[in-house]
């Protein structure tokens, strides 16, 4: 959970900083760099800015759908933090699904004192 939250916090920081800098550039307080201009053009086109995607989970959605998806993911993690371990887990809502499933198997192996190489997952 901690690693996931760190990744999402970094993404939120990148989004916040880019939007703040865009607003400041439009108001004339900072120079509109090439990166900021590209960000503005992508937002105007309804595309998710590349600077966000560079720090994001894999996603090919347009801007509005991306923002909705991000908000859903953040609600999932907020609920996890506030109410405890969820049942079921939203695997595709995580950055690193493989890292999460590996951690689950490691925790299970430790709890049951079973060798990790004997633990596996199956889905129905």
Foldseek 3Di string as FASTA:
>chain_A
DVVQVVLLVVLVVQVVVLVVVLVCCVVPNDPCDPLSVQCVVLVVVQAHRPSSCVSDADDRDGNVVVVVLSVVLVVLVVCCVVPHDDPPDPLVSTRDSPVVVLVVLVVVCVVVVNDSVVDDDDDD
